[in-house]
Amino acid sequence: MSLRRGVVVAHKEMMVAEGIAAALTRYPSVVPVVATTSVDALARLTDRAQAVALDPEIPGAEEAARQLRRDGIRVVFIGGVGDDEGIRVSTGMPVASLASALIPATGRRAAAPLPLTKRQREILALVAQGLAGKQVARHLGISPKTVERHKTKMFARLGVPNQTAAVSLAMTRE
């Protein structure tokens, strides 16, 4: 099983940040943690990430990049030019280029099946349909606490921080 790494996407436009994060879900080794539009929010979110895709046009981006690198976080600028000599990926390049820059050795390899039990797959499928924990429990005839235990084990097996990331990962494997 490949090592999966959390990525924060910071862009001055929220729709662009969310679009990039969504596009990165196609790569099994990349788990978008969150999309944001400011370096202040970025600083609070990087505790769950190993890499950051950063728009150099966000005010304070270059100083934030230097600090993130000092903290051991890989930073890749999305397009633009600047004084910082860090890694840059042109916006004219495919998302695969950004994924590879964020997580070296990332490729479009065929994804292995998710390592989940039958019950965990059932729960994940219901969560993907938008059901809340209590609704999943009622549907499967189990307690909400049992659903939560299954979800906790599922997140650990998949190496994801939450159910949104688990659903996103599952959708890329279909």
N, C-alpha and C. Protein backbone atom coordinates (compact mmCIF):
# COMPACT_ATOMS: atom_id res chain seq x y z
N MET A 1 0.85 -1.19 0.00
CA MET A 1 0.00 0.00 0.00
C MET A 1 0.88 1.24 0.00
N SER A 2 0.56 2.23 -0.83
CA SER A 2 1.39 3.42 -0.94
C SER A 2 1.14 4.37 0.21
N LEU A 3 2.17 5.17 0.50
CA LEU A 3 2.06 6.18 1.53
C LEU A 3 1.18 7.29 1.01
N ARG A 4 0.20 7.71 1.81
CA ARG A 4 -0.72 8.77 1.39
C ARG A 4 -0.42 10.01 2.20
N ARG A 5 -0.45 11.14 1.55
CA ARG A 5 -0.03 12.37 2.19
C ARG A 5 -1.10 13.43 2.08
N GLY A 6 -1.31 14.13 3.19
CA GLY A 6 -2.28 15.21 3.22
C GLY A 6 -1.75 16.46 2.56
N VAL A 7 -2.62 17.15 1.81
CA VAL A 7 -2.24 18.35 1.08
C VAL A 7 -3.27 19.45 1.36
N VAL A 8 -2.78 20.65 1.64
CA VAL A 8 -3.63 21.83 1.76
C VAL A 8 -3.47 22.61 0.46
N VAL A 9 -4.59 23.09 -0.09
CA VAL A 9 -4.56 23.90 -1.30
C VAL A 9 -4.98 25.32 -0.91
N ALA A 10 -4.10 26.28 -1.18
CA ALA A 10 -4.39 27.69 -0.87
C ALA A 10 -4.32 28.50 -2.17
N HIS A 11 -5.44 29.09 -2.51
CA HIS A 11 -5.52 29.92 -3.72
C HIS A 11 -6.36 31.14 -3.39
N LYS A 12 -6.10 32.25 -4.07
CA LYS A 12 -6.84 33.48 -3.77
C LYS A 12 -8.33 33.36 -4.09
N GLU A 13 -8.68 32.44 -4.97
CA GLU A 13 -10.09 32.21 -5.33
C GLU A 13 -10.54 30.87 -4.75
N MET A 14 -11.55 30.87 -3.91
CA MET A 14 -11.99 29.64 -3.25
C MET A 14 -12.43 28.58 -4.25
N MET A 15 -13.13 28.97 -5.30
CA MET A 15 -13.60 28.00 -6.27
C MET A 15 -12.41 27.30 -6.95
N VAL A 16 -11.37 28.05 -7.22
CA VAL A 16 -10.17 27.46 -7.83
C VAL A 16 -9.50 26.51 -6.84
N ALA A 17 -9.38 26.95 -5.58
CA ALA A 17 -8.77 26.09 -4.56
C ALA A 17 -9.54 24.78 -4.41
N GLU A 18 -10.86 24.87 -4.37
CA GLU A 18 -11.69 23.67 -4.24
C GLU A 18 -11.58 22.78 -5.48
N GLY A 19 -11.50 23.41 -6.65
CA GLY A 19 -11.36 22.64 -7.89
C GLY A 19 -10.04 21.88 -7.95
N ILE A 20 -8.97 22.54 -7.53
CA ILE A 20 -7.67 21.88 -7.50
C ILE A 20 -7.69 20.73 -6.51
N ALA A 21 -8.26 20.98 -5.32
CA ALA A 21 -8.34 19.92 -4.31
C ALA A 21 -9.13 18.73 -4.84
N ALA A 22 -10.24 19.01 -5.52
CA ALA A 22 -11.06 17.92 -6.08
C ALA A 22 -10.28 17.16 -7.15
N ALA A 23 -9.55 17.87 -7.99
CA ALA A 23 -8.78 17.21 -9.05
C ALA A 23 -7.68 16.34 -8.46
N LEU A 24 -7.10 16.75 -7.34
CA LEU A 24 -6.02 15.98 -6.72
C LEU A 24 -6.51 14.66 -6.12
N THR A 25 -7.82 14.53 -5.89
CA THR A 25 -8.34 13.28 -5.32
C THR A 25 -8.20 12.10 -6.27
N ARG A 26 -7.91 12.37 -7.55
CA ARG A 26 -7.71 11.27 -8.50
C ARG A 26 -6.44 10.49 -8.23
N TYR A 27 -5.56 11.03 -7.42
CA TYR A 27 -4.26 10.41 -7.16
C TYR A 27 -4.28 9.75 -5.78
N PRO A 28 -4.13 8.42 -5.74
CA PRO A 28 -4.27 7.68 -4.49
C PRO A 28 -3.33 8.11 -3.38
N SER A 29 -2.17 8.66 -3.70
CA SER A 29 -1.23 9.05 -2.65
C SER A 29 -1.49 10.45 -2.12
N VAL A 30 -2.45 11.17 -2.70
CA VAL A 30 -2.75 12.54 -2.28
C VAL A 30 -4.12 12.59 -1.61
N VAL A 31 -4.15 13.13 -0.41
CA VAL A 31 -5.42 13.32 0.30
C VAL A 31 -5.58 14.81 0.59
N PRO A 32 -6.39 15.53 -0.22
CA PRO A 32 -6.59 16.94 0.08
C PRO A 32 -7.23 17.10 1.46
N VAL A 33 -6.59 17.89 2.31
CA VAL A 33 -7.08 18.11 3.66
C VAL A 33 -8.13 19.21 3.65
N VAL A 34 -7.82 20.31 2.98
CA VAL A 34 -8.74 21.44 2.94
C VAL A 34 -8.28 22.43 1.87
N ALA A 35 -9.20 23.26 1.44
CA ALA A 35 -8.89 24.36 0.52
C ALA A 35 -9.12 25.66 1.29
N THR A 36 -8.26 26.65 1.06
CA THR A 36 -8.38 27.92 1.76
C THR A 36 -7.97 29.06 0.85
N THR A 37 -8.23 30.30 1.29
CA THR A 37 -7.90 31.47 0.49
C THR A 37 -6.93 32.42 1.19
N SER A 38 -6.42 32.09 2.36
CA SER A 38 -5.53 33.02 3.06
C SER A 38 -4.37 32.30 3.73
N VAL A 39 -3.26 33.02 3.90
CA VAL A 39 -2.11 32.42 4.57
C VAL A 39 -2.37 32.28 6.07
N ASP A 40 -3.24 33.11 6.63
CA ASP A 40 -3.59 32.97 8.06
C ASP A 40 -4.27 31.62 8.29
N ALA A 41 -5.25 31.30 7.46
CA ALA A 41 -5.93 30.00 7.58
C ALA A 41 -4.96 28.87 7.27
N LEU A 42 -4.10 29.08 6.31
CA LEU A 42 -3.11 28.07 5.92
C LEU A 42 -2.24 27.68 7.11
N ALA A 43 -1.78 28.66 7.85
CA ALA A 43 -0.92 28.40 9.01
C ALA A 43 -1.63 27.53 10.05
N ARG A 44 -2.93 27.70 10.19
CA ARG A 44 -3.69 26.91 11.17
C ARG A 44 -3.99 25.50 10.67
N LEU A 45 -3.93 25.27 9.37
CA LEU A 45 -4.36 24.00 8.79
C LEU A 45 -3.24 23.03 8.47
N THR A 46 -2.01 23.49 8.48
CA THR A 46 -0.91 22.65 8.02
C THR A 46 -0.48 21.60 9.02
N ASP A 47 -1.04 21.59 10.22
CA ASP A 47 -0.67 20.54 11.19
C ASP A 47 -1.13 19.16 10.71
N ARG A 48 -2.07 19.13 9.76
CA ARG A 48 -2.58 17.85 9.24
C ARG A 48 -2.05 17.55 7.84
N ALA A 49 -1.10 18.36 7.36
CA ALA A 49 -0.65 18.21 5.98
C ALA A 49 0.86 18.03 5.90
N GLN A 50 1.28 17.35 4.84
CA GLN A 50 2.70 17.18 4.56
C GLN A 50 3.13 18.04 3.38
N ALA A 51 2.16 18.59 2.64
CA ALA A 51 2.47 19.42 1.47
C ALA A 51 1.40 20.48 1.29
N VAL A 52 1.80 21.58 0.62
CA VAL A 52 0.89 22.69 0.36
C VAL A 52 1.03 23.13 -1.09
N ALA A 53 -0.11 23.26 -1.76
CA ALA A 53 -0.16 23.87 -3.10
C ALA A 53 -0.58 25.32 -2.86
N LEU A 54 0.27 26.27 -3.23
CA LEU A 54 0.09 27.66 -2.82
C LEU A 54 0.09 28.61 -4.00
N ASP A 55 -0.93 29.45 -4.07
CA ASP A 55 -1.03 30.51 -5.07
C ASP A 55 -0.08 31.63 -4.63
N PRO A 56 0.93 31.98 -5.44
CA PRO A 56 1.88 33.02 -5.03
C PRO A 56 1.27 34.42 -4.98
N GLU A 57 0.04 34.57 -5.50
CA GLU A 57 -0.60 35.88 -5.49
C GLU A 57 -1.38 36.15 -4.20
N ILE A 58 -1.46 35.18 -3.31
CA ILE A 58 -2.08 35.42 -2.01
C ILE A 58 -1.12 36.30 -1.22
N PRO A 59 -1.59 37.40 -0.65
CA PRO A 59 -0.70 38.26 0.13
C PRO A 59 0.01 37.45 1.24
N GLY A 60 1.34 37.59 1.28
CA GLY A 60 2.14 36.89 2.29
C GLY A 60 2.53 35.48 1.92
N ALA A 61 2.28 35.08 0.67
CA ALA A 61 2.52 33.69 0.26
C ALA A 61 4.00 33.30 0.35
N GLU A 62 4.89 34.17 -0.09
CA GLU A 62 6.30 33.79 -0.10
C GLU A 62 6.86 33.64 1.31
N GLU A 63 6.50 34.54 2.21
CA GLU A 63 6.96 34.40 3.60
C GLU A 63 6.35 33.15 4.23
N ALA A 64 5.07 32.90 3.96
CA ALA A 64 4.42 31.68 4.48
C ALA A 64 5.13 30.44 3.96
N ALA A 65 5.52 30.46 2.67
CA ALA A 65 6.22 29.31 2.08
C ALA A 65 7.54 29.06 2.78
N ARG A 66 8.28 30.13 3.06
CA ARG A 66 9.56 29.96 3.77
C ARG A 66 9.35 29.34 5.14
N GLN A 67 8.33 29.81 5.86
CA GLN A 67 8.04 29.27 7.20
C GLN A 67 7.60 27.81 7.12
N LEU A 68 6.75 27.49 6.17
CA LEU A 68 6.28 26.12 6.01
C LEU A 68 7.45 25.18 5.72
N ARG A 69 8.36 25.62 4.85
CA ARG A 69 9.53 24.80 4.54
C ARG A 69 10.38 24.58 5.79
N ARG A 70 10.55 25.63 6.60
CA ARG A 70 11.31 25.48 7.86
C ARG A 70 10.65 24.46 8.77
N ASP A 71 9.31 24.35 8.67
CA ASP A 71 8.56 23.38 9.48
C ASP A 71 8.54 21.99 8.85
N GLY A 72 9.22 21.83 7.71
CA GLY A 72 9.31 20.52 7.07
C GLY A 72 8.17 20.19 6.13
N ILE A 73 7.41 21.19 5.72
CA ILE A 73 6.28 20.96 4.82
C ILE A 73 6.69 21.33 3.41
N ARG A 74 6.41 20.45 2.47
CA ARG A 74 6.73 20.69 1.06
C ARG A 74 5.77 21.74 0.51
N VAL A 75 6.31 22.74 -0.19
CA VAL A 75 5.49 23.81 -0.76
C VAL A 75 5.69 23.84 -2.27
N VAL A 76 4.57 23.86 -2.99
CA VAL A 76 4.60 23.98 -4.44
C VAL A 76 3.74 25.17 -4.82
N PHE A 77 4.34 26.14 -5.52
CA PHE A 77 3.58 27.29 -5.98
C PHE A 77 2.79 26.90 -7.23
N ILE A 78 1.56 27.39 -7.30
CA ILE A 78 0.69 27.14 -8.45
C ILE A 78 0.80 28.34 -9.37
N GLY A 79 1.59 28.21 -10.43
CA GLY A 79 1.76 29.28 -11.40
C GLY A 79 2.43 30.50 -10.82
N GLY A 80 2.35 31.59 -11.57
CA GLY A 80 2.89 32.86 -11.12
C GLY A 80 4.40 32.91 -11.13
N VAL A 81 4.89 34.07 -10.78
CA VAL A 81 6.32 34.29 -10.66
C VAL A 81 6.56 34.98 -9.32
N GLY A 82 7.79 34.93 -8.86
CA GLY A 82 8.10 35.59 -7.60
C GLY A 82 9.56 35.48 -7.29
N ASP A 83 9.95 36.07 -6.17
CA ASP A 83 11.34 36.05 -5.74
C ASP A 83 11.73 34.69 -5.18
N ASP A 84 10.77 33.98 -4.63
CA ASP A 84 11.04 32.69 -4.01
C ASP A 84 11.42 31.69 -5.10
N GLU A 85 12.51 30.99 -4.89
CA GLU A 85 12.99 30.03 -5.88
C GLU A 85 12.40 28.63 -5.65
N GLY A 86 11.32 28.52 -4.98
CA GLY A 86 10.72 27.23 -4.68
C GLY A 86 10.17 26.53 -5.91
N ILE A 87 9.58 25.38 -5.70
CA ILE A 87 9.01 24.58 -6.78
C ILE A 87 7.77 25.29 -7.31
N ARG A 88 7.67 25.36 -8.62
CA ARG A 88 6.51 25.99 -9.26
C ARG A 88 5.96 25.07 -10.33
N VAL A 89 4.64 25.03 -10.41
CA VAL A 89 3.98 24.29 -11.47
C VAL A 89 3.08 25.27 -12.20
N SER A 90 3.28 25.38 -13.48
CA SER A 90 2.50 26.30 -14.30
C SER A 90 1.04 25.89 -14.32
N THR A 91 0.17 26.89 -14.38
CA THR A 91 -1.26 26.59 -14.47
C THR A 91 -1.63 26.01 -15.83
N GLY A 92 -0.70 26.06 -16.78
CA GLY A 92 -0.93 25.45 -18.09
C GLY A 92 -0.61 23.96 -18.10
N MET A 93 -0.07 23.46 -17.01
CA MET A 93 0.30 22.04 -16.92
C MET A 93 -0.89 21.23 -16.42
N PRO A 94 -0.90 19.91 -16.68
CA PRO A 94 -1.98 19.06 -16.15
C PRO A 94 -1.86 18.91 -14.63
N VAL A 95 -2.96 18.55 -14.00
CA VAL A 95 -2.98 18.36 -12.55
C VAL A 95 -1.98 17.29 -12.12
N ALA A 96 -1.71 16.33 -13.00
CA ALA A 96 -0.73 15.28 -12.69
C ALA A 96 0.63 15.90 -12.35
N SER A 97 0.97 17.00 -12.99
CA SER A 97 2.24 17.68 -12.70
C SER A 97 2.24 18.24 -11.29
N LEU A 98 1.12 18.81 -10.89
CA LEU A 98 1.02 19.33 -9.53
C LEU A 98 1.07 18.20 -8.52
N ALA A 99 0.34 17.12 -8.78
CA ALA A 99 0.35 15.97 -7.86
C ALA A 99 1.76 15.42 -7.71
N SER A 100 2.49 15.31 -8.81
CA SER A 100 3.87 14.80 -8.76
C SER A 100 4.79 15.75 -8.01
N ALA A 101 4.57 17.05 -8.16
CA ALA A 101 5.41 18.02 -7.45
C ALA A 101 5.11 18.01 -5.94
N LEU A 102 3.84 17.84 -5.59
CA LEU A 102 3.46 17.80 -4.18
C LEU A 102 3.95 16.53 -3.50
N ILE A 103 3.74 15.41 -4.16
CA ILE A 103 4.12 14.11 -3.63
C ILE A 103 4.96 13.43 -4.70
N PRO A 104 6.29 13.58 -4.64
CA PRO A 104 7.13 12.97 -5.68
C PRO A 104 6.81 11.48 -5.85
N ALA A 105 6.91 11.02 -7.06
CA ALA A 105 6.63 9.63 -7.44
C ALA A 105 5.14 9.35 -7.54
N THR A 106 4.31 10.39 -7.50
CA THR A 106 2.87 10.21 -7.70
C THR A 106 2.63 10.02 -9.18
N GLY A 107 1.86 9.03 -9.52
CA GLY A 107 1.55 8.79 -10.92
C GLY A 107 0.12 8.35 -11.07
N ARG A 108 -0.27 8.10 -12.28
CA ARG A 108 -1.63 7.65 -12.53
C ARG A 108 -1.66 6.14 -12.58
N ARG A 109 -1.14 5.52 -11.54
CA ARG A 109 -1.18 4.06 -11.47
C ARG A 109 -2.58 3.61 -11.10
N ALA A 110 -2.89 2.40 -11.50
CA ALA A 110 -4.20 1.85 -11.14
C ALA A 110 -4.27 1.72 -9.63
N ALA A 111 -5.36 2.17 -9.07
CA ALA A 111 -5.54 2.15 -7.63
C ALA A 111 -5.97 0.75 -7.18
N ALA A 112 -5.37 0.32 -6.09
CA ALA A 112 -5.74 -0.97 -5.51
C ALA A 112 -7.09 -0.84 -4.83
N PRO A 113 -7.81 -1.94 -4.66
CA PRO A 113 -9.09 -1.87 -3.97
C PRO A 113 -8.89 -1.38 -2.53
N LEU A 114 -9.89 -0.72 -2.01
CA LEU A 114 -9.80 -0.23 -0.64
C LEU A 114 -9.74 -1.41 0.33
N PRO A 115 -8.85 -1.33 1.33
CA PRO A 115 -8.68 -2.43 2.28
C PRO A 115 -9.73 -2.39 3.40
N LEU A 116 -10.99 -2.54 3.04
CA LEU A 116 -12.07 -2.44 4.01
C LEU A 116 -12.84 -3.75 4.13
N THR A 117 -13.46 -3.92 5.30
CA THR A 117 -14.34 -5.07 5.49
C THR A 117 -15.64 -4.81 4.74
N LYS A 118 -16.44 -5.85 4.59
CA LYS A 118 -17.73 -5.70 3.91
C LYS A 118 -18.60 -4.66 4.63
N ARG A 119 -18.64 -4.71 5.95
CA ARG A 119 -19.46 -3.77 6.72
C ARG A 119 -18.94 -2.35 6.57
N GLN A 120 -17.63 -2.17 6.57
CA GLN A 120 -17.06 -0.83 6.39
C GLN A 120 -17.41 -0.28 5.01
N ARG A 121 -17.41 -1.15 4.00
CA ARG A 121 -17.79 -0.72 2.65
C ARG A 121 -19.26 -0.29 2.62
N GLU A 122 -20.12 -1.04 3.33
CA GLU A 122 -21.54 -0.69 3.39
C GLU A 122 -21.72 0.68 4.04
N ILE A 123 -21.02 0.90 5.13
CA ILE A 123 -21.13 2.18 5.84
C ILE A 123 -20.62 3.31 4.97
N LEU A 124 -19.48 3.10 4.33
CA LEU A 124 -18.91 4.13 3.47
C LEU A 124 -19.86 4.47 2.31
N ALA A 125 -20.49 3.46 1.75
CA ALA A 125 -21.43 3.70 0.65
C ALA A 125 -22.62 4.53 1.11
N LEU A 126 -23.12 4.26 2.31
CA LEU A 126 -24.25 5.02 2.84
C LEU A 126 -23.85 6.45 3.19
N VAL A 127 -22.65 6.60 3.76
CA VAL A 127 -22.14 7.94 4.07
C VAL A 127 -21.97 8.73 2.77
N ALA A 128 -21.50 8.08 1.72
CA ALA A 128 -21.31 8.73 0.42
C ALA A 128 -22.64 9.21 -0.16
N GLN A 129 -23.74 8.55 0.23
CA GLN A 129 -25.06 8.97 -0.22
C GLN A 129 -25.60 10.13 0.59
N GLY A 130 -24.84 10.54 1.64
CA GLY A 130 -25.24 11.69 2.44
C GLY A 130 -25.95 11.34 3.73
N LEU A 131 -26.01 10.06 4.11
CA LEU A 131 -26.68 9.68 5.35
C LEU A 131 -25.82 10.03 6.56
N ALA A 132 -26.45 10.51 7.60
CA ALA A 132 -25.77 10.80 8.87
C ALA A 132 -25.57 9.48 9.62
N GLY A 133 -24.73 9.52 10.65
CA GLY A 133 -24.42 8.32 11.42
C GLY A 133 -25.65 7.60 11.96
N LYS A 134 -26.61 8.35 12.51
CA LYS A 134 -27.83 7.73 13.05
C LYS A 134 -28.66 7.09 11.94
N GLN A 135 -28.68 7.72 10.77
CA GLN A 135 -29.42 7.16 9.64
C GLN A 135 -28.76 5.88 9.15
N VAL A 136 -27.44 5.87 9.11
CA VAL A 136 -26.71 4.66 8.71
C VAL A 136 -27.02 3.54 9.68
N ALA A 137 -27.00 3.86 10.97
CA ALA A 137 -27.28 2.87 12.01
C ALA A 137 -28.67 2.26 11.83
N ARG A 138 -29.67 3.11 11.63
CA ARG A 138 -31.04 2.63 11.42
C ARG A 138 -31.13 1.75 10.17
N HIS A 139 -30.48 2.19 9.10
CA HIS A 139 -30.53 1.46 7.84
C HIS A 139 -29.92 0.05 7.99
N LEU A 140 -28.82 -0.04 8.76
CA LEU A 140 -28.13 -1.33 8.91
C LEU A 140 -28.58 -2.13 10.13
N GLY A 141 -29.41 -1.52 10.96
CA GLY A 141 -29.89 -2.22 12.16
C GLY A 141 -28.81 -2.38 13.22
N ILE A 142 -27.93 -1.39 13.34
CA ILE A 142 -26.89 -1.40 14.36
C ILE A 142 -26.94 -0.08 15.13
N SER A 143 -26.19 0.01 16.20
CA SER A 143 -26.22 1.23 17.01
C SER A 143 -25.35 2.32 16.38
N PRO A 144 -25.69 3.59 16.66
CA PRO A 144 -24.86 4.68 16.16
C PRO A 144 -23.41 4.58 16.66
N LYS A 145 -23.23 4.08 17.87
CA LYS A 145 -21.88 3.92 18.42
C LYS A 145 -21.08 2.88 17.60
N THR A 146 -21.75 1.83 17.16
CA THR A 146 -21.09 0.82 16.33
C THR A 146 -20.70 1.43 14.98
N VAL A 147 -21.56 2.26 14.43
CA VAL A 147 -21.24 2.95 13.17
C VAL A 147 -19.98 3.79 13.37
N GLU A 148 -19.92 4.53 14.47
CA GLU A 148 -18.75 5.38 14.73
C GLU A 148 -17.48 4.55 14.90
N ARG A 149 -17.58 3.40 15.56
CA ARG A 149 -16.41 2.52 15.71
C ARG A 149 -15.93 2.02 14.34
N HIS A 150 -16.87 1.62 13.50
CA HIS A 150 -16.51 1.18 12.14
C HIS A 150 -15.84 2.32 11.37
N LYS A 151 -16.39 3.53 11.47
CA LYS A 151 -15.82 4.67 10.76
C LYS A 151 -14.41 4.97 11.26
N THR A 152 -14.19 4.92 12.55
CA THR A 152 -12.86 5.18 13.12
C THR A 152 -11.84 4.17 12.58
N LYS A 153 -12.22 2.90 12.56
CA LYS A 153 -11.32 1.86 12.04
C LYS A 153 -11.10 2.06 10.53
N MET A 154 -12.15 2.45 9.83
CA MET A 154 -12.06 2.69 8.40
C MET A 154 -11.08 3.82 8.10
N PHE A 155 -11.16 4.93 8.85
CA PHE A 155 -10.26 6.06 8.63
C PHE A 155 -8.81 5.63 8.85
N ALA A 156 -8.58 4.83 9.88
CA ALA A 156 -7.22 4.36 10.16
C ALA A 156 -6.70 3.47 9.02
N ARG A 157 -7.54 2.57 8.53
CA ARG A 157 -7.13 1.69 7.44
C ARG A 157 -6.82 2.46 6.16
N LEU A 158 -7.59 3.49 5.92
CA LEU A 158 -7.43 4.27 4.70
C LEU A 158 -6.38 5.38 4.85
N GLY A 159 -6.02 5.68 6.09
CA GLY A 159 -5.06 6.75 6.32
C GLY A 159 -5.62 8.13 6.04
N VAL A 160 -6.90 8.32 6.36
CA VAL A 160 -7.55 9.61 6.11
C VAL A 160 -8.01 10.21 7.44
N PRO A 161 -8.17 11.55 7.47
CA PRO A 161 -8.55 12.20 8.73
C PRO A 161 -10.05 12.22 9.03
N ASN A 162 -10.91 12.03 8.00
CA ASN A 162 -12.35 12.16 8.24
C ASN A 162 -13.16 11.46 7.14
N GLN A 163 -14.49 11.50 7.31
CA GLN A 163 -15.33 10.77 6.34
C GLN A 163 -15.36 11.45 4.98
N THR A 164 -15.18 12.74 4.91
CA THR A 164 -15.13 13.40 3.61
C THR A 164 -13.96 12.87 2.80
N ALA A 165 -12.80 12.76 3.44
CA ALA A 165 -11.62 12.23 2.75
C ALA A 165 -11.82 10.76 2.38
N ALA A 166 -12.48 10.00 3.24
CA ALA A 166 -12.73 8.58 2.96
C ALA A 166 -13.64 8.44 1.74
N VAL A 167 -14.70 9.24 1.68
CA VAL A 167 -15.62 9.18 0.54
C VAL A 167 -14.89 9.62 -0.73
N SER A 168 -14.11 10.69 -0.63
CA SER A 168 -13.36 11.18 -1.78
C SER A 168 -12.42 10.09 -2.31
N LEU A 169 -11.73 9.43 -1.42
CA LEU A 169 -10.82 8.36 -1.82
C LEU A 169 -11.59 7.22 -2.49
N ALA A 170 -12.71 6.85 -1.89
CA ALA A 170 -13.51 5.76 -2.45
C ALA A 170 -14.00 6.10 -3.85
N MET A 171 -14.37 7.35 -4.08
CA MET A 171 -14.88 7.76 -5.38
C MET A 171 -13.78 7.71 -6.44
N THR A 172 -12.53 7.92 -6.05
CA THR A 172 -11.45 7.87 -7.03
C THR A 172 -11.11 6.42 -7.40
N ARG A 173 -11.58 5.48 -6.60
CA ARG A 173 -11.27 4.06 -6.85
C ARG A 173 -12.33 3.37 -7.65
N GLU A 174 -13.43 4.03 -7.95
CA GLU A 174 -14.53 3.38 -8.69
C GLU A 174 -14.16 3.12 -10.12
